[in-house]
PDB file of N, CA and C in Angstrom:
ATOM      1  N   MET A   1     107.482 133.681  82.494  1.00  0.00           N
ATOM      2  CA  MET A   1     106.277 133.169  82.575  1.00  0.00           C
ATOM      3  C   MET A   1     105.362 132.885  81.590  1.00  0.00           C
ATOM      4  N   PHE A   2     105.393 134.241  80.689  1.00  0.00           N
ATOM      5  CA  PHE A   2     104.807 134.231  79.404  1.00  0.00           C
ATOM      6  C   PHE A   2     105.048 133.567  78.254  1.00  0.00           C
ATOM      7  N   GLY A   3     106.352 132.690  78.505  1.00  0.00           N
ATOM      8  CA  GLY A   3     107.145 131.931  77.394  1.00  0.00           C
ATOM      9  C   GLY A   3     106.608 130.244  77.155  1.00  0.00           C
ATOM     10  N   VAL A   4     106.327 130.453  79.022  1.00  0.00           N
ATOM     11  CA  VAL A   4     105.611 128.839  79.196  1.00  0.00           C
ATOM     12  C   VAL A   4     104.229 128.689  79.187  1.00  0.00           C
ATOM     13  N   LEU A   5     102.980 130.065  79.033  1.00  0.00           N
ATOM     14  CA  LEU A   5     102.059 129.820  78.458  1.00  0.00           C
ATOM     15  C   LEU A   5     102.111 129.890  76.827  1.00  0.00           C
ATOM     16  N   ASP A   6     102.950 130.450  76.444  1.00  0.00           N
ATOM     17  CA  ASP A   6     102.557 130.609  75.088  1.00  0.00           C
ATOM     18  C   ASP A   6     103.346 128.954  74.246  1.00  0.00           C
ATOM     19  N   SER A   7     104.335 128.373  75.085  1.00  0.00           N
ATOM     20  CA  SER A   7     104.782 127.145  74.515  1.00  0.00           C
ATOM     21  C   SER A   7     103.259 126.361  74.465  1.00  0.00           C
ATOM     22  N   ILE A   8     102.719 126.334  75.777  1.00  0.00           N
ATOM     23  CA  ILE A   8     101.341 125.491  76.049  1.00  0.00           C
ATOM     24  C   ILE A   8     100.236 125.783  74.960  1.00  0.00           C
ATOM     25  N   VAL A   9     100.268 127.120  74.896  1.00  0.00           N
ATOM     26  CA  VAL A   9      99.151 127.544  73.668  1.00  0.00           C
ATOM     27  C   VAL A   9      99.600 127.074  72.545  1.00  0.00           C
ATOM     28  N   LYS A  10     100.482 127.201  71.864  1.00  0.00           N
ATOM     29  CA  LYS A  10     101.214 126.776  70.964  1.00  0.00           C
ATOM     30  C   LYS A  10     101.085 125.127  70.693  1.00  0.00           C
ATOM     31  N   GLY A  11     101.103 124.838  71.477  1.00  0.00           N
ATOM     32  CA  GLY A  11     101.223 123.063  71.172  1.00  0.00           C
ATOM     33  C   GLY A  11     102.590 122.718  71.220  1.00  0.00           C
ATOM     34  N   THR A  12     103.801 123.450  71.943  1.00  0.00           N
ATOM     35  CA  THR A  12     104.864 122.635  71.663  1.00  0.00           C
ATOM     36  C   THR A  12     105.090 122.334  72.681  1.00  0.00           C
ATOM     37  N   LYS A  13     106.289 121.243  73.271  1.00  0.00           N
ATOM     38  CA  LYS A  13     106.504 120.422  74.673  1.00  0.00           C
ATOM     39  C   LYS A  13     107.471 121.734  75.903  1.00  0.00           C
ATOM     40  N   TYR A  14     106.546 121.460  76.511  1.00  0.00           N
ATOM     41  CA  TYR A  14     107.216 122.141  77.728  1.00  0.00           C
ATOM     42  C   TYR A  14     106.789 121.360  79.062  1.00  0.00           C
ATOM     43  N   SER A  15     107.723 120.639  79.313  1.00  0.00           N
ATOM     44  CA  SER A  15     107.339 119.326  80.740  1.00  0.00           C
ATOM     45  C   SER A  15     106.752 120.245  81.386  1.00  0.00           C
ATOM     46  N   ILE A  16     107.332 121.010  82.293  1.00  0.00           N
ATOM     47  CA  ILE A  16     106.643 121.432  83.137  1.00  0.00           C
ATOM     48  C   ILE A  16     105.548 122.390  83.307  1.00  0.00           C
ATOM     49  N   GLY A  17     105.598 123.222  81.985  1.00  0.00           N
ATOM     50  CA  GLY A  17     104.244 123.972  82.211  1.00  0.00           C
ATOM     51  C   GLY A  17     103.099 123.069  81.996  1.00  0.00           C
ATOM     52  N   GLU A  18     103.401 122.267  81.146  1.00  0.00           N
ATOM     53  CA  GLU A  18     102.014 120.951  81.119  1.00  0.00           C
ATOM     54  C   GLU A  18     101.328 120.357  82.255  1.00  0.00           C
ATOM     55  N   PHE A  19     102.710 119.736  82.977  1.00  0.00           N
ATOM     56  CA  PHE A  19     102.251 119.283  83.951  1.00  0.00           C
ATOM     57  C   PHE A  19     101.347 120.159  85.175  1.00  0.00           C
ATOM     58  N   ARG A  20     101.835 121.357  85.077  1.00  0.00           N
ATOM     59  CA  ARG A  20     101.394 122.313  86.115  1.00  0.00           C
ATOM     60  C   ARG A  20      99.875 122.700  85.863  1.00  0.00           C
ATOM     61  N   LEU A  21      99.873 122.626  84.323  1.00  0.00           N
ATOM     62  CA  LEU A  21      98.479 122.683  83.818  1.00  0.00           C
ATOM     63  C   LEU A  21      97.217 122.070  83.637  1.00  0.00           C
ATOM     64  N   ARG A  22      97.895 120.680  83.560  1.00  0.00           N
ATOM     65  CA  ARG A  22      96.898 119.278  83.581  1.00  0.00           C
ATOM     66  C   ARG A  22      96.416 119.428  85.093  1.00  0.00           C
ATOM     67  N   ARG A  23      97.571 119.577  85.953  1.00  0.00           N
ATOM     68  CA  ARG A  23      96.984 119.225  87.461  1.00  0.00           C
ATOM     69  C   ARG A  23      96.088 120.507  87.931  1.00  0.00           C
ATOM     70  N   SER A  24      96.245 121.457  87.819  1.00  0.00           N
ATOM     71  CA  SER A  24      95.597 122.397  88.290  1.00  0.00           C
ATOM     72  C   SER A  24      94.218 123.087  87.296  1.00  0.00           C
ATOM     73  N   PHE A  25      93.974 122.387  85.972  1.00  0.00           N
ATOM     74  CA  PHE A  25      93.180 122.950  85.399  1.00  0.00           C
ATOM     75  C   PHE A  25      92.079 121.526  84.679  1.00  0.00           C
ATOM     76  N   GLY A  26      90.788 121.527  84.920  1.00  0.00           N
ATOM     77  CA  GLY A  26      89.964 120.642  84.208  1.00  0.00           C
ATOM     78  C   GLY A  26      89.873 120.239  82.472  1.00  0.00           C
ATOM     79  N   GLN A  27      90.173 119.187  82.430  1.00  0.00           N
ATOM     80  CA  GLN A  27      90.089 118.793  81.020  1.00  0.00           C
ATOM     81  C   GLN A  27      88.635 119.418  80.176  1.00  0.00           C
ATOM     82  N   GLU A  28      87.465 119.443  81.046  1.00  0.00           N
ATOM     83  CA  GLU A  28      86.596 119.816  80.034  1.00  0.00           C
ATOM     84  C   GLU A  28      86.091 121.165  79.912  1.00  0.00           C
ATOM     85  N   THR A  29      86.261 121.613  81.444  1.00  0.00           N
ATOM     86  CA  THR A  29      85.867 122.728  81.179  1.00  0.00           C
ATOM     87  C   THR A  29      87.038 124.125  81.605  1.00  0.00           C
ATOM     88  N   GLY A  30      88.263 123.604  81.650  1.00  0.00           N
ATOM     89  CA  GLY A  30      89.287 124.528  81.563  1.00  0.00           C
ATOM     90  C   GLY A  30      89.448 125.262  82.970  1.00  0.00           C
ATOM     91  N   LYS A  31      88.297 125.151  83.814  1.00  0.00           N
ATOM     92  CA  LYS A  31      88.471 125.874  85.238  1.00  0.00           C
ATOM     93  C   LYS A  31      89.309 125.125  86.268  1.00  0.00           C
ATOM     94  N   PRO A  32      90.091 125.927  86.958  1.00  0.00           N
ATOM     95  CA  PRO A  32      91.175 125.549  88.044  1.00  0.00           C
ATOM     96  C   PRO A  32      89.988 124.234  89.366  1.00  0.00           C
ATOM     97  N   ILE A  33      90.719 123.575  89.365  1.00  0.00           N
ATOM     98  CA  ILE A  33      90.071 122.483  89.953  1.00  0.00           C
ATOM     99  C   ILE A  33      91.138 122.194  91.216  1.00  0.00           C
ATOM    100  N   HIS A  34      90.971 121.916  92.337  1.00  0.00           N
ATOM    101  CA  HIS A  34      91.754 121.192  93.753  1.00  0.00           C
ATOM    102  C   HIS A  34      91.646 119.634  93.561  1.00  0.00           C
ATOM    103  N   GLY A  35      93.088 119.369  93.061  1.00  0.00           N
ATOM    104  CA  GLY A  35      92.882 117.955  93.059  1.00  0.00           C
ATOM    105  C   GLY A  35      92.820 117.087  94.306  1.00  0.00           C
ATOM    106  N   TYR A  36      92.491 115.806  94.498  1.00  0.00           N
ATOM    107  CA  TYR A  36      92.536 115.425  95.233  1.00  0.00           C
ATOM    108  C   TYR A  36      93.478 113.684  94.869  1.00  0.00           C
ATOM    109  N   ALA A  37      94.665 113.601  95.348  1.00  0.00           N
ATOM    110  CA  ALA A  37      95.170 111.937  94.760  1.00  0.00           C
ATOM    111  C   ALA A  37      94.387 110.871  95.516  1.00  0.00           C
ATOM    112  N   PRO A  38      93.732 110.206  95.724  1.00  0.00           N
ATOM    113  CA  PRO A  38      92.841 108.651  96.073  1.00  0.00           C
ATOM    114  C   PRO A  38      93.986 107.579  96.771  1.00  0.00           C
ATOM    115  N   ASN A  39      93.928 107.085  97.296  1.00  0.00           N
ATOM    116  CA  ASN A  39      94.773 106.469  97.896  1.00  0.00           C
ATOM    117  C   ASN A  39      94.155 104.932  97.734  1.00  0.00           C
ATOM    118  N   ASN A  40      94.523 103.715  97.802  1.00  0.00           N
ATOM    119  CA  ASN A  40      94.123 102.801  97.147  1.00  0.00           C
ATOM    120  C   ASN A  40      92.615 102.196  97.570  1.00  0.00           C
ATOM    121  N   LEU A  41      92.445 102.609  98.924  1.00  0.00           N
ATOM    122  CA  LEU A  41      91.013 102.242  99.817  1.00  0.00           C
ATOM    123  C   LEU A  41      90.230 102.766  98.673  1.00  0.00           C
ATOM    124  N   GLU A  42      90.487 104.515  98.828  1.00  0.00           N
ATOM    125  CA  GLU A  42      89.559 105.077  98.246  1.00  0.00           C
ATOM    126  C   GLU A  42      89.104 105.187  96.934  1.00  0.00           C
ATOM    127  N   LYS A  43      89.997 104.675  95.808  1.00  0.00           N
ATOM    128  CA  LYS A  43      89.962 104.138  94.685  1.00  0.00           C
ATOM    129  C   LYS A  43      88.949 103.105  94.694  1.00  0.00           C
ATOM    130  N   ARG A  44      89.137 101.937  95.733  1.00  0.00           N
ATOM    131  CA  ARG A  44      87.933 100.708  95.755  1.00  0.00           C
ATOM    132  C   ARG A  44      86.685 102.025  96.233  1.00  0.00           C
ATOM    133  N   PHE A  45      86.571 102.566  96.658  1.00  0.00           N
ATOM    134  CA  PHE A  45      85.289 103.483  97.473  1.00  0.00           C
ATOM    135  C   PHE A  45      84.902 103.902  96.061  1.00  0.00           C
ATOM    136  N   LEU A  46      85.171 104.643  95.120  1.00  0.00           N
ATOM    137  CA  LEU A  46      84.903 104.784  93.761  1.00  0.00           C
ATOM    138  C   LEU A  46      84.709 104.142  93.185  1.00  0.00           C
ATOM    139  N   VAL A  47      85.223 102.749  93.121  1.00  0.00           N
ATOM    140  CA  VAL A  47      84.860 101.744  91.737  1.00  0.00           C
ATOM    141  C   VAL A  47      83.472 101.240  92.728  1.00  0.00           C
ATOM    142  N   TRP A  48      83.175 100.792  94.315  1.00  0.00           N
ATOM    143  CA  TRP A  48      82.077 100.422  94.817  1.00  0.00           C
ATOM    144  C   TRP A  48      81.004 101.683  94.765  1.00  0.00           C
ATOM    145  N   SER A  49      81.164 102.929  94.756  1.00  0.00           N
ATOM    146  CA  SER A  49      80.240 103.600  94.585  1.00  0.00           C
ATOM    147  C   SER A  49      79.644 104.136  93.300  1.00  0.00           C
ATOM    148  N   GLY A  50      80.426 103.335  92.078  1.00  0.00           N
ATOM    149  CA  GLY A  50      79.674 103.254  90.596  1.00  0.00           C
ATOM    150  C   GLY A  50      80.271 104.399  89.875  1.00  0.00           C
ATOM    151  N   LYS A  51      81.020 105.351  90.565  1.00  0.00           N
ATOM    152  CA  LYS A  51      81.656 106.612  89.957  1.00  0.00           C
ATOM    153  C   LYS A  51      82.487 106.074  88.413  1.00  0.00           C
ATOM    154  N   TYR A  52      83.730 105.175  89.001  1.00  0.00           N
ATOM    155  CA  TYR A  52      84.045 104.306  87.684  1.00  0.00           C
ATOM    156  C   TYR A  52      83.939 103.061  88.113  1.00  0.00           C
ATOM    157  N   LYS A  53      84.198 102.089  86.287  1.00  0.00           N
ATOM    158  CA  LYS A  53      83.989 100.885  86.385  1.00  0.00           C
ATOM    159  C   LYS A  53      85.290 100.136  87.398  1.00  0.00           C
ATOM    160  N   THR A  54      86.593 100.118  86.918  1.00  0.00           N
ATOM    161  CA  THR A  54      87.722  99.815  87.108  1.00  0.00           C
ATOM    162  C   THR A  54      88.389 100.628  88.146  1.00  0.00           C
ATOM    163  N   VAL A  55      89.633 100.061  88.696  1.00  0.00           N
ATOM    164  CA  VAL A  55      90.243 101.016  89.403  1.00  0.00           C
ATOM    165  C   VAL A  55      91.473 101.602  88.515  1.00  0.00           C
ATOM    166  N   ASP A  56      91.825 100.867  87.668  1.00  0.00           N
ATOM    167  CA  ASP A  56      92.568 101.575  86.338  1.00  0.00           C
ATOM    168  C   ASP A  56      92.119 102.408  85.612  1.00  0.00           C
ATOM    169  N   GLU A  57      90.805 102.705  85.704  1.00  0.00           N
ATOM    170  CA  GLU A  57      89.836 103.964  84.465  1.00  0.00           C
ATOM    171  C   GLU A  57      90.216 105.112  85.706  1.00  0.00           C
ATOM    172  N   ILE A  58      90.510 105.174  87.314  1.00  0.00           N
ATOM    173  CA  ILE A  58      90.987 106.721  87.672  1.00  0.00           C
ATOM    174  C   ILE A  58      91.744 106.918  87.690  1.00  0.00           C
ATOM    175  N   PRO A  59      91.406 108.484  87.443  1.00  0.00           N
ATOM    176  CA  PRO A  59      92.945 109.558  86.950  1.00  0.00           C
ATOM    177  C   PRO A  59      93.536 109.323  88.287  1.00  0.00           C
ATOM    178  N   PRO A  60      94.727 109.804  88.326  1.00  0.00           N
ATOM    179  CA  PRO A  60      95.464 110.119  89.250  1.00  0.00           C
ATOM    180  C   PRO A  60      95.019 111.264  90.569  1.00  0.00           C
ATOM    181  N   TYR A  61      93.883 112.073  89.804  1.00  0.00           N
ATOM    182  CA  TYR A  61      93.957 113.061  90.546  1.00  0.00           C
ATOM    183  C   TYR A  61      92.393 113.239  90.233  1.00  0.00           C
ATOM    184  N   VAL A  62      91.284 113.399  91.442  1.00  0.00           N
ATOM    185  CA  VAL A  62      90.089 113.654  91.294  1.00  0.00           C
ATOM    186  C   VAL A  62      89.659 114.921  92.051  1.00  0.00           C
ATOM    187  N   SER A  63      88.660 115.589  91.894  1.00  0.00           N
ATOM    188  CA  SER A  63      88.260 116.605  92.429  1.00  0.00           C
ATOM    189  C   SER A  63      87.706 116.200  93.836  1.00  0.00           C
ATOM    190  N   LYS A  64      88.124 117.268  94.699  1.00  0.00           N
ATOM    191  CA  LYS A  64      87.397 116.948  96.306  1.00  0.00           C
ATOM    192  C   LYS A  64      85.874 116.346  96.678  1.00  0.00           C
ATOM    193  N   GLU A  65      84.974 117.560  95.589  1.00  0.00           N
ATOM    194  CA  GLU A  65      83.440 117.120  95.421  1.00  0.00           C
ATOM    195  C   GLU A  65      83.297 115.754  95.374  1.00  0.00           C
ATOM    196  N   VAL A  66      83.976 115.082  94.289  1.00  0.00           N
ATOM    197  CA  VAL A  66      83.883 114.078  93.827  1.00  0.00           C
ATOM    198  C   VAL A  66      83.909 112.852  95.030  1.00  0.00           C
ATOM    199  N   MET A  67      85.112 113.048  95.899  1.00  0.00           N
ATOM    200  CA  MET A  67      85.804 112.009  96.676  1.00  0.00           C
ATOM    201  C   MET A  67      85.048 112.135  97.720  1.00  0.00           C
ATOM    202  N   GLU A  68      84.681 113.333  98.083  1.00  0.00           N
ATOM    203  CA  GLU A  68      83.297 113.950  99.171  1.00  0.00           C
ATOM    204  C   GLU A  68      82.220 112.993  99.357  1.00  0.00           C
ATOM    205  N   ARG A  69      81.540 113.303  97.988  1.00  0.00           N
ATOM    206  CA  ARG A  69      80.715 112.241  97.684  1.00  0.00           C
ATOM    207  C   ARG A  69      80.688 110.841  97.713  1.00  0.00           C
ATOM    208  N   CYS A  70      81.589 110.335  97.263  1.00  0.00           N
ATOM    209  CA  CYS A  70      81.922 108.758  97.423  1.00  0.00           C
ATOM    210  C   CYS A  70      81.675 108.521  98.712  1.00  0.00           C
ATOM    211  N   ARG A  71      82.482 109.346  99.464  1.00  0.00           N
ATOM    212  CA  ARG A  71      82.808 109.046 101.018  1.00  0.00           C
ATOM    213  C   ARG A  71      81.627 108.829 101.735  1.00  0.00           C
ATOM    214  N   ASN A  72      80.354 109.853 101.586  1.00  0.00           N
ATOM    215  CA  ASN A  72      79.313 109.772 101.894  1.00  0.00           C
ATOM    216  C   ASN A  72      78.609 108.883 101.512  1.00  0.00           C
ATOM    217  N   ARG A  73      78.862 108.652 100.055  1.00  0.00           N
ATOM    218  CA  ARG A  73      77.765 107.087  99.930  1.00  0.00           C
ATOM    219  C   ARG A  73      78.317 105.895 100.480  1.00  0.00           C
ATOM    220  N   MET A  74      79.410 105.781 100.407  1.00  0.00           N
ATOM    221  CA  MET A  74      80.191 104.414 101.628  1.00  0.00           C
ATOM    222  C   MET A  74      79.614 105.147 103.105  1.00  0.00           C
ATOM    223  N   ARG A  75      79.775 105.746 103.460  1.00  0.00           N
ATOM    224  CA  ARG A  75      79.410 106.015 104.611  1.00  0.00           C
ATOM    225  C   ARG A  75      77.634 105.754 105.015  1.00  0.00           C
ATOM    226  N   ILE A  76      76.910 105.765 104.336  1.00  0.00           N
ATOM    227  CA  ILE A  76      75.571 105.464 104.223  1.00  0.00           C
ATOM    228  C   ILE A  76      75.432 103.897 103.814  1.00  0.00           C
ATOM    229  N   ARG A  77      76.099 103.492 103.517  1.00  0.00           N
ATOM    230  CA  ARG A  77      76.062 101.850 102.845  1.00  0.00           C
ATOM    231  C   ARG A  77      76.451 100.955 103.965  1.00  0.00           C
ATOM    232  N   MET A  78      77.658 101.661 104.490  1.00  0.00           N
ATOM    233  CA  MET A  78      78.128 100.672 105.724  1.00  0.00           C
ATOM    234  C   MET A  78      77.083 100.830 106.660  1.00  0.00           C
ATOM    235  N   SER A  79      76.463 102.057 106.967  1.00  0.00           N
ATOM    236  CA  SER A  79      75.448 102.340 108.177  1.00  0.00           C
ATOM    237  C   SER A  79      74.127 101.533 107.894  1.00  0.00           C
ATOM    238  N   ASN A  80      74.096 101.091 106.630  1.00  0.00           N
ATOM    239  CA  ASN A  80      72.948 100.437 106.247  1.00  0.00           C
ATOM    240  C   ASN A  80      73.217  98.883 106.581  1.00  0.00           C
ATOM    241  N   ILE A  81      74.637  98.718 105.643  1.00  0.00           N
ATOM    242  CA  ILE A  81      74.698  97.175 106.209  1.00  0.00           C
ATOM    243  C   ILE A  81      75.128  97.018 107.874  1.00  0.00           C
ATOM    244  N   MET A  82      75.640  97.822 108.339  1.00  0.00           N
ATOM    245  CA  MET A  82      75.417  98.166 110.055  1.00  0.00           C
ATOM    246  C   MET A  82      74.212  97.519 110.776  1.00  0.00           C
ATOM    247  N   MET A  83      73.232  98.501 109.994  1.00  0.00           N
ATOM    248  CA  MET A  83      71.855  98.057 110.965  1.00  0.00           C
ATOM    249  C   MET A  83      71.006  96.925 110.812  1.00  0.00           C
ATOM    250  N   ALA A  84      71.492  96.551 109.106  1.00  0.00           N
ATOM    251  CA  ALA A  84      70.931  95.241 108.625  1.00  0.00           C
ATOM    252  C   ALA A  84      71.490  93.737 109.624  1.00  0.00           C
ATOM    253  N   LEU A  85      72.858  94.141 110.022  1.00  0.00           N
ATOM    254  CA  LEU A  85      73.269  93.260 110.571  1.00  0.00           C
ATOM    255  C   LEU A  85      72.737  93.234 112.509  1.00  0.00           C
ATOM    256  N   THR A  86      72.359  93.856 112.542  1.00  0.00           N
ATOM    257  CA  THR A  86      71.995  94.148 113.994  1.00  0.00           C
ATOM    258  C   THR A  86      70.471  93.817 114.131  1.00  0.00           C
ATOM    259  N   VAL A  87      69.806  94.083 113.100  1.00  0.00           N
ATOM    260  CA  VAL A  87      68.495  93.309 113.387  1.00  0.00           C
ATOM    261  C   VAL A  87      68.634  91.746 112.926  1.00  0.00           C
ATOM    262  N   VAL A  88      69.585  91.077 111.880  1.00  0.00           N
ATOM    263  CA  VAL A  88      69.617  89.877 111.766  1.00  0.00           C
ATOM    264  C   VAL A  88      70.453  89.587 113.128  1.00  0.00           C
ATOM    265  N   GLY A  89      71.293  90.313 113.759  1.00  0.00           N
ATOM    266  CA  GLY A  89      71.699  89.678 115.145  1.00  0.00           C
ATOM    267  C   GLY A  89      70.770  89.388 116.579  1.00  0.00           C
ATOM    268  N   CYS A  90      69.912  90.595 116.393  1.00  0.00           N
ATOM    269  CA  CYS A  90      69.133  90.659 117.417  1.00  0.00           C
ATOM    270  C   CYS A  90      67.690  89.316 117.300  1.00  0.00           C
ATOM    271  N   CYS A  91      67.219  89.115 115.762  1.00  0.00           N
ATOM    272  CA  CYS A  91      66.501  87.695 115.544  1.00  0.00           C
ATOM    273  C   CYS A  91      67.351  86.810 115.938  1.00  0.00           C
ATOM    274  N   ILE A  92      68.528  86.638 115.732  1.00  0.00           N
ATOM    275  CA  ILE A  92      69.323  85.497 116.541  1.00  0.00           C
ATOM    276  C   ILE A  92      68.719  85.022 117.906  1.00  0.00           C
ATOM    277  N   MET A  93      69.090  86.041 118.404  1.00  0.00           N
ATOM    278  CA  MET A  93      69.268  86.187 119.731  1.00  0.00           C
ATOM    279  C   MET A  93      67.761  85.540 120.214  1.00  0.00           C
ATOM    280  N   VAL A  94      66.497  86.313 120.121  1.00  0.00           N
ATOM    281  CA  VAL A  94      65.472  85.965 120.224  1.00  0.00           C
ATOM    282  C   VAL A  94      65.112  84.542 120.011  1.00  0.00           C
ATOM    283  N   TYR A  95      65.479  84.294 118.819  1.00  0.00           N
ATOM    284  CA  TYR A  95      65.293  82.702 118.328  1.00  0.00           C
ATOM    285  C   TYR A  95      66.160  82.125 119.477  1.00  0.00           C
ATOM    286  N   SER A  96      67.754  82.126 119.653  1.00  0.00           N
ATOM    287  CA  SER A  96      68.141  81.154 120.742  1.00  0.00           C
ATOM    288  C   SER A  96      67.400  81.265 122.101  1.00  0.00           C
ATOM    289  N   GLY A  97      67.305  82.666 122.396  1.00  0.00           N
ATOM    290  CA  GLY A  97      66.665  82.368 123.421  1.00  0.00           C
ATOM    291  C   GLY A  97      64.770  82.069 123.650  1.00  0.00           C
ATOM    292  N   LYS A  98      64.181  81.756 122.918  1.00  0.00           N
ATOM    293  CA  LYS A  98      62.993  80.780 122.513  1.00  0.00           C
ATOM    294  C   LYS A  98      63.670  79.511 122.852  1.00  0.00           C
ATOM    295  N   GLN A  99      64.697  78.768 122.245  1.00  0.00           N
ATOM    296  CA  GLN A  99      64.823  77.728 122.446  1.00  0.00           C
ATOM    297  C   GLN A  99      65.446  77.110 123.781  1.00  0.00           C
ATOM    298  N   ALA A 100      66.115  78.425 124.515  1.00  0.00           N
ATOM    299  CA  ALA A 100      66.835  77.579 125.847  1.00  0.00           C
ATOM    300  C   ALA A 100      65.475  77.729 126.870  1.00  0.00           C
ATOM    301  N   ALA A 101      64.524  78.540 126.334  1.00  0.00           N
ATOM    302  CA  ALA A 101      63.234  78.775 127.594  1.00  0.00           C
ATOM    303  C   ALA A 101      62.530  77.287 126.869  1.00  0.00           C
ATOM    304  N   LYS A 102      62.385  76.802 125.788  1.00  0.00           N
ATOM    305  CA  LYS A 102      61.695  75.744 125.700  1.00  0.00           C
ATOM    306  C   LYS A 102      62.586  74.738 126.373  1.00  0.00           C
ATOM    307  N   SER A 103      63.677  74.251 126.690  1.00  0.00           N
ATOM    308  CA  SER A 103      64.662  73.569 126.908  1.00  0.00           C
ATOM    309  C   SER A 103      64.640  73.481 128.681  1.00  0.00           C
ATOM    310  N   GLY A 104      64.368  74.806 129.225  1.00  0.00           N
ATOM    311  CA  GLY A 104      63.790  74.809 130.626  1.00  0.00           C
ATOM    312  C   GLY A 104      65.373  75.511 131.347  1.00  0.00           C
ATOM    313  N   ASP A 105      66.270  76.432 130.353  1.00  0.00           N
ATOM    314  CA  ASP A 105      67.467  76.651 130.636  1.00  0.00           C
ATOM    315  C   ASP A 105      67.078  78.292 130.755  1.00  0.00           C
ATOM    316  N   SER A 106      67.483  78.945 131.712  1.00  0.00           N
ATOM    317  CA  SER A 106      67.246  80.199 132.286  1.00  0.00           C
ATOM    318  C   SER A 106      68.298  81.421 132.895  1.00  0.00           C
ATOM    319  N   VAL A 107      68.283  82.246 132.684  1.00  0.00           N
ATOM    320  CA  VAL A 107      69.668  83.075 133.213  1.00  0.00           C
ATOM    321  C   VAL A 107      69.713  82.493 134.882  1.00  0.00           C
ATOM    322  N   VAL A 108      68.530  82.654 135.820  1.00  0.00           N
ATOM    323  CA  VAL A 108      68.079  82.474 137.138  1.00  0.00           C
ATOM    324  C   VAL A 108      68.927  81.370 137.678  1.00  0.00           C
ATOM    325  N   LYS A 109      68.300  80.000 136.342  1.00  0.00           N
ATOM    326  CA  LYS A 109      68.997  78.505 136.682  1.00  0.00           C
ATOM    327  C   LYS A 109      70.797  78.702 136.460  1.00  0.00           C
ATOM    328  N   GLN A 110      71.478  79.259 135.320  1.00  0.00           N
ATOM    329  CA  GLN A 110      72.416  79.603 134.897  1.00  0.00           C
ATOM    330  C   GLN A 110      73.326  79.818 136.545  1.00  0.00           C
ATOM    331  N   ASN A 111      73.035  81.099 136.504  1.00  0.00           N
ATOM    332  CA  ASN A 111      73.516  81.920 138.275  1.00  0.00           C
ATOM    333  C   ASN A 111      73.468  80.927 139.099  1.00  0.00           C
ATOM    334  N   LEU A 112      72.390  80.157 139.413  1.00  0.00           N
ATOM    335  CA  LEU A 112      72.558  79.563 140.759  1.00  0.00           C
ATOM    336  C   LEU A 112      73.429  78.412 140.500  1.00  0.00           C
ATOM    337  N   ASP A 113      73.291  77.841 139.489  1.00  0.00           N
ATOM    338  CA  ASP A 113      74.184  76.484 139.239  1.00  0.00           C
ATOM    339  C   ASP A 113      75.818  77.273 139.477  1.00  0.00           C
ATOM    340  N   TRP A 114      76.081  78.196 138.923  1.00  0.00           N
ATOM    341  CA  TRP A 114      77.534  78.906 138.807  1.00  0.00           C
ATOM    342  C   TRP A 114      78.042  79.115 140.295  1.00  0.00           C
ATOM    343  N   HIS A 115      76.857  79.601 141.052  1.00  0.00           N
ATOM    344  CA  HIS A 115      77.433  79.959 142.443  1.00  0.00           C
ATOM    345  C   HIS A 115      77.477  78.689 143.324  1.00  0.00           C
ATOM    346  N   LYS A 116      76.351  77.494 142.691  1.00  0.00           N
ATOM    347  CA  LYS A 116      76.558  76.204 143.656  1.00  0.00           C
ATOM    348  C   LYS A 116      78.079  75.570 143.491  1.00  0.00           C
ATOM    349  N   LYS A 117      78.566  75.889 142.194  1.00  0.00           N
ATOM    350  CA  LYS A 117      79.742  75.251 141.518  1.00  0.00           C
ATOM    351  C   LYS A 117      81.092  75.941 142.289  1.00  0.00           C
ATOM    352  N   TYR A 118      80.706  77.435 142.747  1.00  0.00           N
ATOM    353  CA  TYR A 118      81.717  78.459 143.087  1.00  0.00           C
ATOM    354  C   TYR A 118      81.957  77.795 144.653  1.00  0.00           C
ATOM    355  N   ASN A 119      80.603  77.925 145.523  1.00  0.00           N
ATOM    356  CA  ASN A 119      80.677  77.310 146.894  1.00  0.00           C
ATOM    357  C   ASN A 119      81.166  75.937 147.032  1.00  0.00           C
ATOM    358  N   GLU A 120      81.078  75.203 145.924  1.00  0.00           N
ATOM    359  CA  GLU A 120      81.686  74.005 146.229  1.00  0.00           C
ATOM    360  C   GLU A 120      83.152  73.941 146.115  1.00  0.00           C
ATOM    361  N   GLU A 121      83.626  74.788 145.044  1.00  0.00           N
ATOM    362  CA  GLU A 121      85.165  74.624 144.910  1.00  0.00           C
ATOM    363  C   GLU A 121      85.716  75.838 146.278  1.00  0.00           C
ATOM    364  N   SER A 122      85.510  76.385 146.817  1.00  0.00           N
ATOM    365  CA  SER A 122      85.894  77.074 147.488  1.00  0.00           C
ATOM    366  C   SER A 122      85.716  75.769 149.064  1.00  0.00           C
ATOM    367  N   LYS A 123      85.147  75.687 149.463  1.00  0.00           N
ATOM    368  CA  LYS A 123      84.944  74.700 150.348  1.00  0.00           C
ATOM    369  C   LYS A 123      85.971  73.464 150.418  1.00  0.00           C
ATOM    370  N   LYS A 124      86.506  73.349 149.021  1.00  0.00           N
ATOM    371  CA  LYS A 124      87.715  72.111 148.941  1.00  0.00           C
ATOM    372  C   LYS A 124      88.992  72.941 148.885  1.00  0.00           C
ATOM    373  N   VAL A 125      89.045  74.020 149.039  1.00  0.00           N
ATOM    374  CA  VAL A 125      90.281  74.641 148.955  1.00  0.00           C
ATOM    375  C   VAL A 125      90.509  75.242 150.370  1.00  0.00           C
TER     376      VAL A 125
END
């Protein structure tokens, strides 16, 4: 165990020890971090949230806090987009309802026409 640490501290190559050291300690602080390997969609989330400029810049492991912050930002953005689309959809429905009222269409009239057509078809059979 101490042989691995000594070789890492001295700068000699020891592949297993270096892999473990890089994976479990942050490069700037040297404190232990719990890494998270993001998948392709989460990498795109990291780029869209502005943490990284491109997908290629994202390291293989990011901290859980960074990933959670990114997910929260994307969750907020998606909810804002859904609210905006709901408002746009409501405005479109109000506009189409007003146009239908101008032309004389109504739900009551459509219902009466449907019943009339249904009763005529049932009498034929």
